[in-house]
Amino acid sequence: MNPFQHVLAGIDMHPNTAEVVLGRACELAEPDAIEAVYACSYAYYEHNDYTVGGFETADVLDVALREQADQYLASVCASRGITRHRVLDGATAPALHTYAKQRSDLVVVGSHGHHGLRALFASTSNAMIHGTPCDVLAVHLDETVSSEPPPYTKILAAVDLGDESFQVMDAANRVALHCGAELAVCNVMHGWRGTAREDTGWRGATEEDAPEDRLAHLADCYGVAEHDVFELSGHVAERIRALAAEIGAGLVVVGTHGKHGLQLLTGSMANAVLRGSGYDLLAARVH
């Protein structure tokens, strides 16, 4: 069974990046479970300043831009068998957030990690993650590589050993099983420790146990090999990036509360984790 049943793939007007985003979406869901969308903000141009063609009014230009975007969506989706696509009104993050509320359990967008979130996240990345009521996959976009990225073979779940760690592991494990990928798990201590309670799934491990014991217990519950369990300390983003590169992880999974931001990676730390990385980031919604 696919890990996601209703996937919203947000793409831009660059065919190469659209191919990468749609490719990742198709790796996690069937084409008939995917809807490709493009957010189109109107009135970007005054109609008399738009040099391509002649338009009597801004409204006529808006219609032409929408038709162009719809034709583009149809063309990039056709080769993958994706039949559902839609042009949304408004800025990218608010438009995707509103539309995802209605129908999605995953939103897939592109991210240029080497200079912060660009493409569809842009400066609204925090608003996107904070408000989106489902999982969000930020797909790493490498402008120097035009080919589709390789399938996921190694997935790293980064947990804080708090109450929602099992939910993060559930999300990572679903994707790993679907993709036939190896699953690794890490905990990075940075002056704060989450609390673990017996009523949230810590079978045989309690908050009095040492972090390494709780991490080992968590890994054991999901059959993670001992050599793929990492207890680290230091700067959270730096250690995760370094570990992902060391073990060859193509995907890092963290937990997020939809209205509170990333649980493990709060505030600007989300950008820090992606900056300079060569992996994708799945922000799994926890409750």
C-alpha atoms as a PDB file:
ATOM      1  CA  MET A   1       0.000   0.000   0.000  1.00  0.00           C
ATOM      2  CA  ASN A   2       1.289   3.469  -0.840  1.00  0.00           C
ATOM      3  CA  PRO A   3       2.226   5.639   2.151  1.00  0.00           C
ATOM      4  CA  PHE A   4       0.095   8.514   0.825  1.00  0.00           C
ATOM      5  CA  GLN A   5      -3.321   8.461  -0.828  1.00  0.00           C
ATOM      6  CA  HIS A   6      -3.946  12.112  -1.761  1.00  0.00           C
ATOM      7  CA  VAL A   7      -0.835  13.959  -2.906  1.00  0.00           C
ATOM      8  CA  LEU A   8      -0.659  17.609  -3.926  1.00  0.00           C
ATOM      9  CA  ALA A   9       2.411  18.386  -6.060  1.00  0.00           C
ATOM     10  CA  GLY A  10       3.164  22.086  -6.233  1.00  0.00           C
ATOM     11  CA  ILE A  11       5.298  22.919  -9.252  1.00  0.00           C
ATOM     12  CA  ASP A  12       6.731  26.033 -10.857  1.00  0.00           C
ATOM     13  CA  MET A  13       7.113  27.001 -14.498  1.00  0.00           C
ATOM     14  CA  HIS A  14      10.533  25.401 -14.947  1.00  0.00           C
ATOM     15  CA  PRO A  15      10.210  21.964 -16.617  1.00  0.00           C
ATOM     16  CA  ASN A  16      13.373  20.511 -15.050  1.00  0.00           C
ATOM     17  CA  THR A  17      12.324  21.271 -11.481  1.00  0.00           C
ATOM     18  CA  ALA A  18       8.760  20.205 -12.205  1.00  0.00           C
ATOM     19  CA  GLU A  19      10.057  16.824 -13.383  1.00  0.00           C
ATOM     20  CA  VAL A  20      11.954  16.311 -10.131  1.00  0.00           C
ATOM     21  CA  VAL A  21       8.975  17.247  -7.935  1.00  0.00           C
ATOM     22  CA  LEU A  22       6.557  15.090  -9.924  1.00  0.00           C
ATOM     23  CA  GLY A  23       9.056  12.239  -9.931  1.00  0.00           C
ATOM     24  CA  ARG A  24       9.213  12.242  -6.151  1.00  0.00           C
ATOM     25  CA  ALA A  25       5.431  12.418  -5.918  1.00  0.00           C
ATOM     26  CA  CYS A  26       5.150   9.381  -8.191  1.00  0.00           C
ATOM     27  CA  GLU A  27       7.668   7.526  -6.030  1.00  0.00           C
ATOM     28  CA  LEU A  28       5.312   7.799  -3.062  1.00  0.00           C
ATOM     29  CA  ALA A  29       1.888   7.489  -4.706  1.00  0.00           C
ATOM     30  CA  GLU A  30       0.088   6.237  -7.789  1.00  0.00           C
ATOM     31  CA  PRO A  31      -0.486   8.798 -10.577  1.00  0.00           C
ATOM     32  CA  ASP A  32      -4.243   8.779 -10.014  1.00  0.00           C
ATOM     33  CA  ALA A  33      -3.626   9.819  -6.386  1.00  0.00           C
ATOM     34  CA  ILE A  34      -1.607  12.892  -7.432  1.00  0.00           C
ATOM     35  CA  GLU A  35      -2.837  16.345  -8.382  1.00  0.00           C
ATOM     36  CA  ALA A  36      -0.357  18.846  -9.806  1.00  0.00           C
ATOM     37  CA  VAL A  37      -0.991  22.512  -9.066  1.00  0.00           C
ATOM     38  CA  TYR A  38       0.547  25.830  -9.955  1.00  0.00           C
ATOM     39  CA  ALA A  39      -0.213  28.989  -7.980  1.00  0.00           C
ATOM     40  CA  CYS A  40      -0.811  31.982 -10.228  1.00  0.00           C
ATOM     41  CA  SER A  41      -0.881  35.452  -8.691  1.00  0.00           C
ATOM     42  CA  TYR A  42      -2.739  37.848 -10.957  1.00  0.00           C
ATOM     43  CA  ALA A  43      -1.772  41.399 -11.861  1.00  0.00           C
ATOM     44  CA  TYR A  44       1.948  40.735 -11.877  1.00  0.00           C
ATOM     45  CA  TYR A  45       2.063  42.859 -14.981  1.00  0.00           C
ATOM     46  CA  GLU A  46       0.215  45.891 -16.169  1.00  0.00           C
ATOM     47  CA  HIS A  47      -1.341  44.777 -19.440  1.00  0.00           C
ATOM     48  CA  ASN A  48       0.198  47.642 -21.382  1.00  0.00           C
ATOM     49  CA  ASP A  49       3.688  46.791 -20.050  1.00  0.00           C
ATOM     50  CA  TYR A  50       3.493  43.096 -20.918  1.00  0.00           C
ATOM     51  CA  THR A  51       5.501  42.780 -24.115  1.00  0.00           C
ATOM     52  CA  VAL A  52       4.356  39.331 -25.274  1.00  0.00           C
ATOM     53  CA  GLY A  53       1.256  39.826 -27.396  1.00  0.00           C
ATOM     54  CA  GLY A  54      -1.349  42.541 -27.089  1.00  0.00           C
ATOM     55  CA  PHE A  55      -3.870  42.655 -24.240  1.00  0.00           C
ATOM     56  CA  GLU A  56      -6.576  45.264 -23.906  1.00  0.00           C
ATOM     57  CA  THR A  57      -6.991  44.903 -20.142  1.00  0.00           C
ATOM     58  CA  ALA A  58      -5.306  43.263 -17.147  1.00  0.00           C
ATOM     59  CA  ASP A  59      -8.249  40.839 -16.921  1.00  0.00           C
ATOM     60  CA  VAL A  60      -7.629  39.616 -20.459  1.00  0.00           C
ATOM     61  CA  LEU A  61      -3.950  39.155 -19.611  1.00  0.00           C
ATOM     62  CA  ASP A  62      -4.871  37.211 -16.473  1.00  0.00           C
ATOM     63  CA  VAL A  63      -7.009  34.813 -18.510  1.00  0.00           C
ATOM     64  CA  ALA A  64      -4.183  34.298 -20.991  1.00  0.00           C
ATOM     65  CA  LEU A  65      -1.675  33.607 -18.212  1.00  0.00           C
ATOM     66  CA  ARG A  66      -4.034  31.093 -16.613  1.00  0.00           C
ATOM     67  CA  GLU A  67      -4.565  29.295 -19.936  1.00  0.00           C
ATOM     68  CA  GLN A  68      -0.819  29.180 -20.503  1.00  0.00           C
ATOM     69  CA  ALA A  69      -0.238  27.737 -17.023  1.00  0.00           C
ATOM     70  CA  ASP A  70      -2.968  25.132 -17.500  1.00  0.00           C
ATOM     71  CA  GLN A  71      -1.459  23.996 -20.805  1.00  0.00           C
ATOM     72  CA  TYR A  72       1.943  23.771 -19.147  1.00  0.00           C
ATOM     73  CA  LEU A  73       0.576  21.603 -16.317  1.00  0.00           C
ATOM     74  CA  ALA A  74      -1.070  19.263 -18.802  1.00  0.00           C
ATOM     75  CA  SER A  75       2.175  18.862 -20.742  1.00  0.00           C
ATOM     76  CA  VAL A  76       4.431  18.072 -17.771  1.00  0.00           C
ATOM     77  CA  CYS A  77       1.876  15.686 -16.241  1.00  0.00           C
ATOM     78  CA  ALA A  78       1.060  13.705 -19.380  1.00  0.00           C
ATOM     79  CA  SER A  79       4.234  11.606 -19.479  1.00  0.00           C
ATOM     80  CA  ARG A  80       3.643  10.384 -15.916  1.00  0.00           C
ATOM     81  CA  GLY A  81      -0.013   9.516 -16.336  1.00  0.00           C
ATOM     82  CA  ILE A  82      -1.136  12.291 -13.976  1.00  0.00           C
ATOM     83  CA  THR A  83      -4.513  13.459 -15.197  1.00  0.00           C
ATOM     84  CA  ARG A  84      -5.518  15.881 -12.448  1.00  0.00           C
ATOM     85  CA  HIS A  85      -4.042  19.360 -12.440  1.00  0.00           C
ATOM     86  CA  ARG A  86      -5.238  22.813 -11.493  1.00  0.00           C
ATOM     87  CA  VAL A  87      -4.145  26.453 -11.566  1.00  0.00           C
ATOM     88  CA  LEU A  88      -4.676  28.044  -8.148  1.00  0.00           C
ATOM     89  CA  ASP A  89      -5.252  31.710  -7.434  1.00  0.00           C
ATOM     90  CA  GLY A  90      -2.878  33.644  -5.214  1.00  0.00           C
ATOM     91  CA  ALA A  91       0.586  33.391  -3.720  1.00  0.00           C
ATOM     92  CA  THR A  92       2.084  29.911  -3.517  1.00  0.00           C
ATOM     93  CA  ALA A  93       2.157  29.081   0.190  1.00  0.00           C
ATOM     94  CA  PRO A  94      -1.338  30.398   1.107  1.00  0.00           C
ATOM     95  CA  ALA A  95      -2.863  28.853  -2.025  1.00  0.00           C
ATOM     96  CA  LEU A  96      -1.325  25.441  -1.369  1.00  0.00           C
ATOM     97  CA  HIS A  97      -2.202  25.608   2.314  1.00  0.00           C
ATOM     98  CA  THR A  98      -5.863  26.361   1.600  1.00  0.00           C
ATOM     99  CA  TYR A  99      -6.163  23.752  -1.126  1.00  0.00           C
ATOM    100  CA  ALA A 100      -4.369  21.067   0.913  1.00  0.00           C
ATOM    101  CA  LYS A 101      -6.927  21.464   3.694  1.00  0.00           C
ATOM    102  CA  GLN A 102      -9.597  20.085   1.429  1.00  0.00           C
ATOM    103  CA  ARG A 103      -8.047  16.900   0.135  1.00  0.00           C
ATOM    104  CA  SER A 104      -4.363  16.099   0.830  1.00  0.00           C
ATOM    105  CA  ASP A 105      -2.262  13.939   3.135  1.00  0.00           C
ATOM    106  CA  LEU A 106       0.992  15.081   1.504  1.00  0.00           C
ATOM    107  CA  VAL A 107       2.175  18.262  -0.212  1.00  0.00           C
ATOM    108  CA  VAL A 108       5.318  17.974  -2.360  1.00  0.00           C
ATOM    109  CA  VAL A 109       7.287  21.117  -3.232  1.00  0.00           C
ATOM    110  CA  GLY A 110      10.765  21.974  -4.451  1.00  0.00           C
ATOM    111  CA  SER A 111      13.631  23.386  -2.413  1.00  0.00           C
ATOM    112  CA  HIS A 112      16.979  24.833  -3.459  1.00  0.00           C
ATOM    113  CA  GLY A 113      18.850  23.933  -0.288  1.00  0.00           C
ATOM    114  CA  HIS A 114      22.137  25.617  -1.109  1.00  0.00           C
ATOM    115  CA  HIS A 115      20.751  29.115  -0.790  1.00  0.00           C
ATOM    116  CA  GLY A 116      17.783  28.648   1.463  1.00  0.00           C
ATOM    117  CA  LEU A 117      14.321  27.603   0.459  1.00  0.00           C
ATOM    118  CA  ARG A 118      13.536  28.996  -2.976  1.00  0.00           C
ATOM    119  CA  ALA A 119      11.100  27.781  -5.622  1.00  0.00           C
ATOM    120  CA  LEU A 120       7.757  27.200  -3.928  1.00  0.00           C
ATOM    121  CA  PHE A 121       8.798  27.681  -0.303  1.00  0.00           C
ATOM    122  CA  ALA A 122      10.609  31.016  -0.825  1.00  0.00           C
ATOM    123  CA  SER A 123      10.241  33.426   2.096  1.00  0.00           C
ATOM    124  CA  THR A 124       6.901  31.860   3.068  1.00  0.00           C
ATOM    125  CA  SER A 125       8.412  28.497   4.050  1.00  0.00           C
ATOM    126  CA  ASN A 126       7.570  28.873   7.732  1.00  0.00           C
ATOM    127  CA  ALA A 127       3.982  29.866   6.968  1.00  0.00           C
ATOM    128  CA  MET A 128       3.701  26.874   4.663  1.00  0.00           C
ATOM    129  CA  ILE A 129       4.937  24.358   7.226  1.00  0.00           C
ATOM    130  CA  HIS A 130       3.194  25.947  10.212  1.00  0.00           C
ATOM    131  CA  GLY A 131      -0.215  26.051   8.598  1.00  0.00           C
ATOM    132  CA  THR A 132      -0.311  23.032   6.294  1.00  0.00           C
ATOM    133  CA  PRO A 133      -2.501  20.381   7.937  1.00  0.00           C
ATOM    134  CA  CYS A 134      -0.661  17.427   6.411  1.00  0.00           C
ATOM    135  CA  ASP A 135       2.850  16.142   5.727  1.00  0.00           C
ATOM    136  CA  VAL A 136       5.138  18.313   3.581  1.00  0.00           C
ATOM    137  CA  LEU A 137       7.954  16.924   1.440  1.00  0.00           C
ATOM    138  CA  ALA A 138      10.610  19.463   0.426  1.00  0.00           C
ATOM    139  CA  VAL A 139      12.396  18.004  -2.589  1.00  0.00           C
ATOM    140  CA  HIS A 140      16.026  19.026  -3.053  1.00  0.00           C
ATOM    141  CA  LEU A 141      16.572  20.739  -6.398  1.00  0.00           C
ATOM    142  CA  ASP A 142      20.051  20.758  -7.877  1.00  0.00           C
ATOM    143  CA  GLU A 143      20.381  23.206 -10.747  1.00  0.00           C
ATOM    144  CA  THR A 144      23.514  21.414 -11.983  1.00  0.00           C
ATOM    145  CA  VAL A 145      21.698  18.103 -12.455  1.00  0.00           C
ATOM    146  CA  SER A 146      18.935  17.788 -15.032  1.00  0.00           C
ATOM    147  CA  SER A 147      18.215  14.090 -14.560  1.00  0.00           C
ATOM    148  CA  GLU A 148      15.648  12.686 -12.154  1.00  0.00           C
ATOM    149  CA  PRO A 149      17.076  11.917  -8.687  1.00  0.00           C
ATOM    150  CA  PRO A 150      17.650   8.268  -7.753  1.00  0.00           C
ATOM    151  CA  PRO A 151      15.059   6.409  -5.659  1.00  0.00           C
ATOM    152  CA  TYR A 152      15.292   6.556  -1.891  1.00  0.00           C
ATOM    153  CA  THR A 153      17.568   3.783  -0.601  1.00  0.00           C
ATOM    154  CA  LYS A 154      18.378   5.213   2.846  1.00  0.00           C
ATOM    155  CA  ILE A 155      16.009   7.206   5.059  1.00  0.00           C
ATOM    156  CA  LEU A 156      17.028   8.977   8.269  1.00  0.00           C
ATOM    157  CA  ALA A 157      14.437   9.730  10.951  1.00  0.00           C
ATOM    158  CA  ALA A 158      15.547  12.518  13.309  1.00  0.00           C
ATOM    159  CA  VAL A 159      13.700  12.324  16.639  1.00  0.00           C
ATOM    160  CA  ASP A 160      13.876  14.240  19.908  1.00  0.00           C
ATOM    161  CA  LEU A 161      12.670  11.273  22.038  1.00  0.00           C
ATOM    162  CA  GLY A 162       9.575  13.250  22.993  1.00  0.00           C
ATOM    163  CA  ASP A 163       5.976  12.135  22.963  1.00  0.00           C
ATOM    164  CA  GLU A 164       5.608  12.164  19.188  1.00  0.00           C
ATOM    165  CA  SER A 165       8.754  10.203  18.312  1.00  0.00           C
ATOM    166  CA  PHE A 166       6.763   7.095  17.464  1.00  0.00           C
ATOM    167  CA  GLN A 167       4.629   9.117  15.028  1.00  0.00           C
ATOM    168  CA  VAL A 168       7.771  10.365  13.276  1.00  0.00           C
ATOM    169  CA  MET A 169       9.084   6.807  13.090  1.00  0.00           C
ATOM    170  CA  ASP A 170       5.738   5.586  11.752  1.00  0.00           C
ATOM    171  CA  ALA A 171       5.947   8.100   8.889  1.00  0.00           C
ATOM    172  CA  ALA A 172       9.568   7.268   8.108  1.00  0.00           C
ATOM    173  CA  ASN A 173       8.921   3.531   8.292  1.00  0.00           C
ATOM    174  CA  ARG A 174       5.935   3.703   5.906  1.00  0.00           C
ATOM    175  CA  VAL A 175       8.049   5.434   3.287  1.00  0.00           C
ATOM    176  CA  ALA A 176      11.001   3.099   3.844  1.00  0.00           C
ATOM    177  CA  LEU A 177       8.863  -0.014   3.451  1.00  0.00           C
ATOM    178  CA  HIS A 178       7.207   1.345   0.311  1.00  0.00           C
ATOM    179  CA  CYS A 179      10.521   2.321  -1.285  1.00  0.00           C
ATOM    180  CA  GLY A 180      12.462  -0.723  -0.106  1.00  0.00           C
ATOM    181  CA  ALA A 181      14.875   1.631   1.674  1.00  0.00           C
ATOM    182  CA  GLU A 182      16.951   1.090   4.799  1.00  0.00           C
ATOM    183  CA  LEU A 183      15.796   3.042   7.852  1.00  0.00           C
ATOM    184  CA  ALA A 184      18.154   4.835  10.235  1.00  0.00           C
ATOM    185  CA  VAL A 185      17.322   6.935  13.296  1.00  0.00           C
ATOM    186  CA  CYS A 186      19.172   9.640  15.181  1.00  0.00           C
ATOM    187  CA  ASN A 187      18.756  11.872  18.205  1.00  0.00           C
ATOM    188  CA  VAL A 188      20.779  15.070  18.531  1.00  0.00           C
ATOM    189  CA  MET A 189      21.065  16.461  22.046  1.00  0.00           C
ATOM    190  CA  HIS A 190      21.408  20.246  22.181  1.00  0.00           C
ATOM    191  CA  GLY A 191      20.723  21.341  25.716  1.00  0.00           C
ATOM    192  CA  TRP A 192      17.117  20.097  25.762  1.00  0.00           C
ATOM    193  CA  ARG A 193      15.533  16.722  26.180  1.00  0.00           C
ATOM    194  CA  GLY A 194      12.018  15.804  25.267  1.00  0.00           C
ATOM    195  CA  THR A 195       9.953  13.904  27.799  1.00  0.00           C
ATOM    196  CA  ALA A 196       8.814  10.370  27.186  1.00  0.00           C
ATOM    197  CA  ARG A 197       5.724   9.013  28.864  1.00  0.00           C
ATOM    198  CA  GLU A 198       4.634   5.420  29.180  1.00  0.00           C
ATOM    199  CA  ASP A 199       1.149   6.274  27.890  1.00  0.00           C
ATOM    200  CA  THR A 200       2.509   7.458  24.544  1.00  0.00           C
ATOM    201  CA  GLY A 201       4.095   4.223  23.464  1.00  0.00           C
ATOM    202  CA  TRP A 202       7.299   3.937  25.476  1.00  0.00           C
ATOM    203  CA  ARG A 203       6.850   0.239  26.106  1.00  0.00           C
ATOM    204  CA  GLY A 204       9.692  -0.917  28.321  1.00  0.00           C
ATOM    205  CA  ALA A 205      11.332   2.521  28.330  1.00  0.00           C
ATOM    206  CA  THR A 206      10.409   5.482  30.533  1.00  0.00           C
ATOM    207  CA  GLU A 207      11.469   9.079  31.009  1.00  0.00           C
ATOM    208  CA  GLU A 208      13.865   7.951  33.730  1.00  0.00           C
ATOM    209  CA  ASP A 209      15.887   5.936  31.219  1.00  0.00           C
ATOM    210  CA  ALA A 210      18.967   7.405  29.577  1.00  0.00           C
ATOM    211  CA  PRO A 211      18.383   8.935  26.119  1.00  0.00           C
ATOM    212  CA  GLU A 212      20.483   6.253  24.456  1.00  0.00           C
ATOM    213  CA  ASP A 213      18.295   3.559  26.032  1.00  0.00           C
ATOM    214  CA  ARG A 214      15.104   5.227  24.829  1.00  0.00           C
ATOM    215  CA  LEU A 215      16.591   5.653  21.364  1.00  0.00           C
ATOM    216  CA  ALA A 216      17.621   1.993  21.274  1.00  0.00           C
ATOM    217  CA  HIS A 217      14.119   0.966  22.355  1.00  0.00           C
ATOM    218  CA  LEU A 218      12.541   3.131  19.658  1.00  0.00           C
ATOM    219  CA  ALA A 219      14.836   1.669  17.007  1.00  0.00           C
ATOM    220  CA  ASP A 220      14.111  -1.870  18.168  1.00  0.00           C
ATOM    221  CA  CYS A 221      10.356  -1.320  17.774  1.00  0.00           C
ATOM    222  CA  TYR A 222      10.896  -0.629  14.062  1.00  0.00           C
ATOM    223  CA  GLY A 223      13.591  -3.195  13.413  1.00  0.00           C
ATOM    224  CA  VAL A 224      16.326  -0.624  12.821  1.00  0.00           C
ATOM    225  CA  ALA A 225      19.752  -2.266  12.732  1.00  0.00           C
ATOM    226  CA  GLU A 226      22.108  -1.343  15.557  1.00  0.00           C
ATOM    227  CA  HIS A 227      24.615   0.227  13.158  1.00  0.00           C
ATOM    228  CA  ASP A 228      21.876   2.575  11.925  1.00  0.00           C
ATOM    229  CA  VAL A 229      21.134   4.055  15.379  1.00  0.00           C
ATOM    230  CA  PHE A 230      22.950   7.320  16.179  1.00  0.00           C
ATOM    231  CA  GLU A 231      23.006   9.231  19.481  1.00  0.00           C
ATOM    232  CA  LEU A 232      24.687  12.571  18.756  1.00  0.00           C
ATOM    233  CA  SER A 233      25.341  15.901  20.420  1.00  0.00           C
ATOM    234  CA  GLY A 234      26.002  19.399  19.128  1.00  0.00           C
ATOM    235  CA  HIS A 235      24.318  21.768  16.709  1.00  0.00           C
ATOM    236  CA  VAL A 236      21.175  19.995  15.540  1.00  0.00           C
ATOM    237  CA  ALA A 237      21.134  21.057  11.884  1.00  0.00           C
ATOM    238  CA  GLU A 238      24.865  20.577  11.368  1.00  0.00           C
ATOM    239  CA  ARG A 239      24.907  17.115  12.902  1.00  0.00           C
ATOM    240  CA  ILE A 240      21.877  15.969  10.903  1.00  0.00           C
ATOM    241  CA  ARG A 241      23.357  17.266   7.638  1.00  0.00           C
ATOM    242  CA  ALA A 242      26.701  15.619   8.357  1.00  0.00           C
ATOM    243  CA  LEU A 243      25.128  12.315   9.349  1.00  0.00           C
ATOM    244  CA  ALA A 244      22.817  12.240   6.316  1.00  0.00           C
ATOM    245  CA  ALA A 245      25.812  12.784   4.047  1.00  0.00           C
ATOM    246  CA  GLU A 246      27.880  10.169   5.880  1.00  0.00           C
ATOM    247  CA  ILE A 247      25.292   7.403   5.593  1.00  0.00           C
ATOM    248  CA  GLY A 248      23.985   8.451   2.169  1.00  0.00           C
ATOM    249  CA  ALA A 249      20.443   9.305   3.246  1.00  0.00           C
ATOM    250  CA  GLY A 250      18.292  10.632   0.420  1.00  0.00           C
ATOM    251  CA  LEU A 251      15.478  11.594   2.786  1.00  0.00           C
ATOM    252  CA  VAL A 252      15.439  13.020   6.315  1.00  0.00           C
ATOM    253  CA  VAL A 253      12.183  12.800   8.289  1.00  0.00           C
ATOM    254  CA  VAL A 254      11.314  15.123  11.186  1.00  0.00           C
ATOM    255  CA  GLY A 255       8.140  15.823  13.134  1.00  0.00           C
ATOM    256  CA  THR A 256       6.033  18.954  12.801  1.00  0.00           C
ATOM    257  CA  HIS A 257       3.015  20.400  14.533  1.00  0.00           C
ATOM    258  CA  GLY A 258       0.967  22.106  11.844  1.00  0.00           C
ATOM    259  CA  LYS A 259       0.334  25.307  13.801  1.00  0.00           C
ATOM    260  CA  HIS A 260       3.477  25.365  15.920  1.00  0.00           C
ATOM    261  CA  GLY A 261       6.191  24.781  13.350  1.00  0.00           C
ATOM    262  CA  LEU A 262       8.790  22.057  13.331  1.00  0.00           C
ATOM    263  CA  GLN A 263       8.942  20.247  16.663  1.00  0.00           C
ATOM    264  CA  LEU A 264      12.535  19.184  16.335  1.00  0.00           C
ATOM    265  CA  LEU A 265      13.728  21.991  14.077  1.00  0.00           C
ATOM    266  CA  THR A 266      12.065  25.191  15.202  1.00  0.00           C
ATOM    267  CA  GLY A 267      12.101  28.564  13.481  1.00  0.00           C
ATOM    268  CA  SER A 268      15.019  29.258  11.163  1.00  0.00           C
ATOM    269  CA  MET A 269      16.503  25.846  11.968  1.00  0.00           C
ATOM    270  CA  ALA A 270      14.358  24.329   9.197  1.00  0.00           C
ATOM    271  CA  ASN A 271      16.212  26.376   6.615  1.00  0.00           C
ATOM    272  CA  ALA A 272      19.517  25.462   8.238  1.00  0.00           C
ATOM    273  CA  VAL A 273      18.834  21.755   7.866  1.00  0.00           C
ATOM    274  CA  LEU A 274      18.182  22.122   4.135  1.00  0.00           C
ATOM    275  CA  ARG A 275      20.947  24.622   3.405  1.00  0.00           C
ATOM    276  CA  GLY A 276      23.835  22.879   1.697  1.00  0.00           C
ATOM    277  CA  SER A 277      22.112  19.513   1.842  1.00  0.00           C
ATOM    278  CA  GLY A 278      21.685  17.011  -0.924  1.00  0.00           C
ATOM    279  CA  TYR A 279      18.679  15.259   0.598  1.00  0.00           C
ATOM    280  CA  ASP A 280      14.922  15.747   0.722  1.00  0.00           C
ATOM    281  CA  LEU A 281      13.132  16.689   3.948  1.00  0.00           C
ATOM    282  CA  LEU A 282       9.800  15.205   5.013  1.00  0.00           C
ATOM    283  CA  ALA A 283       8.052  17.231   7.734  1.00  0.00           C
ATOM    284  CA  ALA A 284       5.635  14.651   9.141  1.00  0.00           C
ATOM    285  CA  ARG A 285       2.563  16.093  10.856  1.00  0.00           C
ATOM    286  CA  VAL A 286       2.270  14.815  14.434  1.00  0.00           C
ATOM    287  CA  HIS A 287      -0.613  15.176  16.860  1.00  0.00           C
END
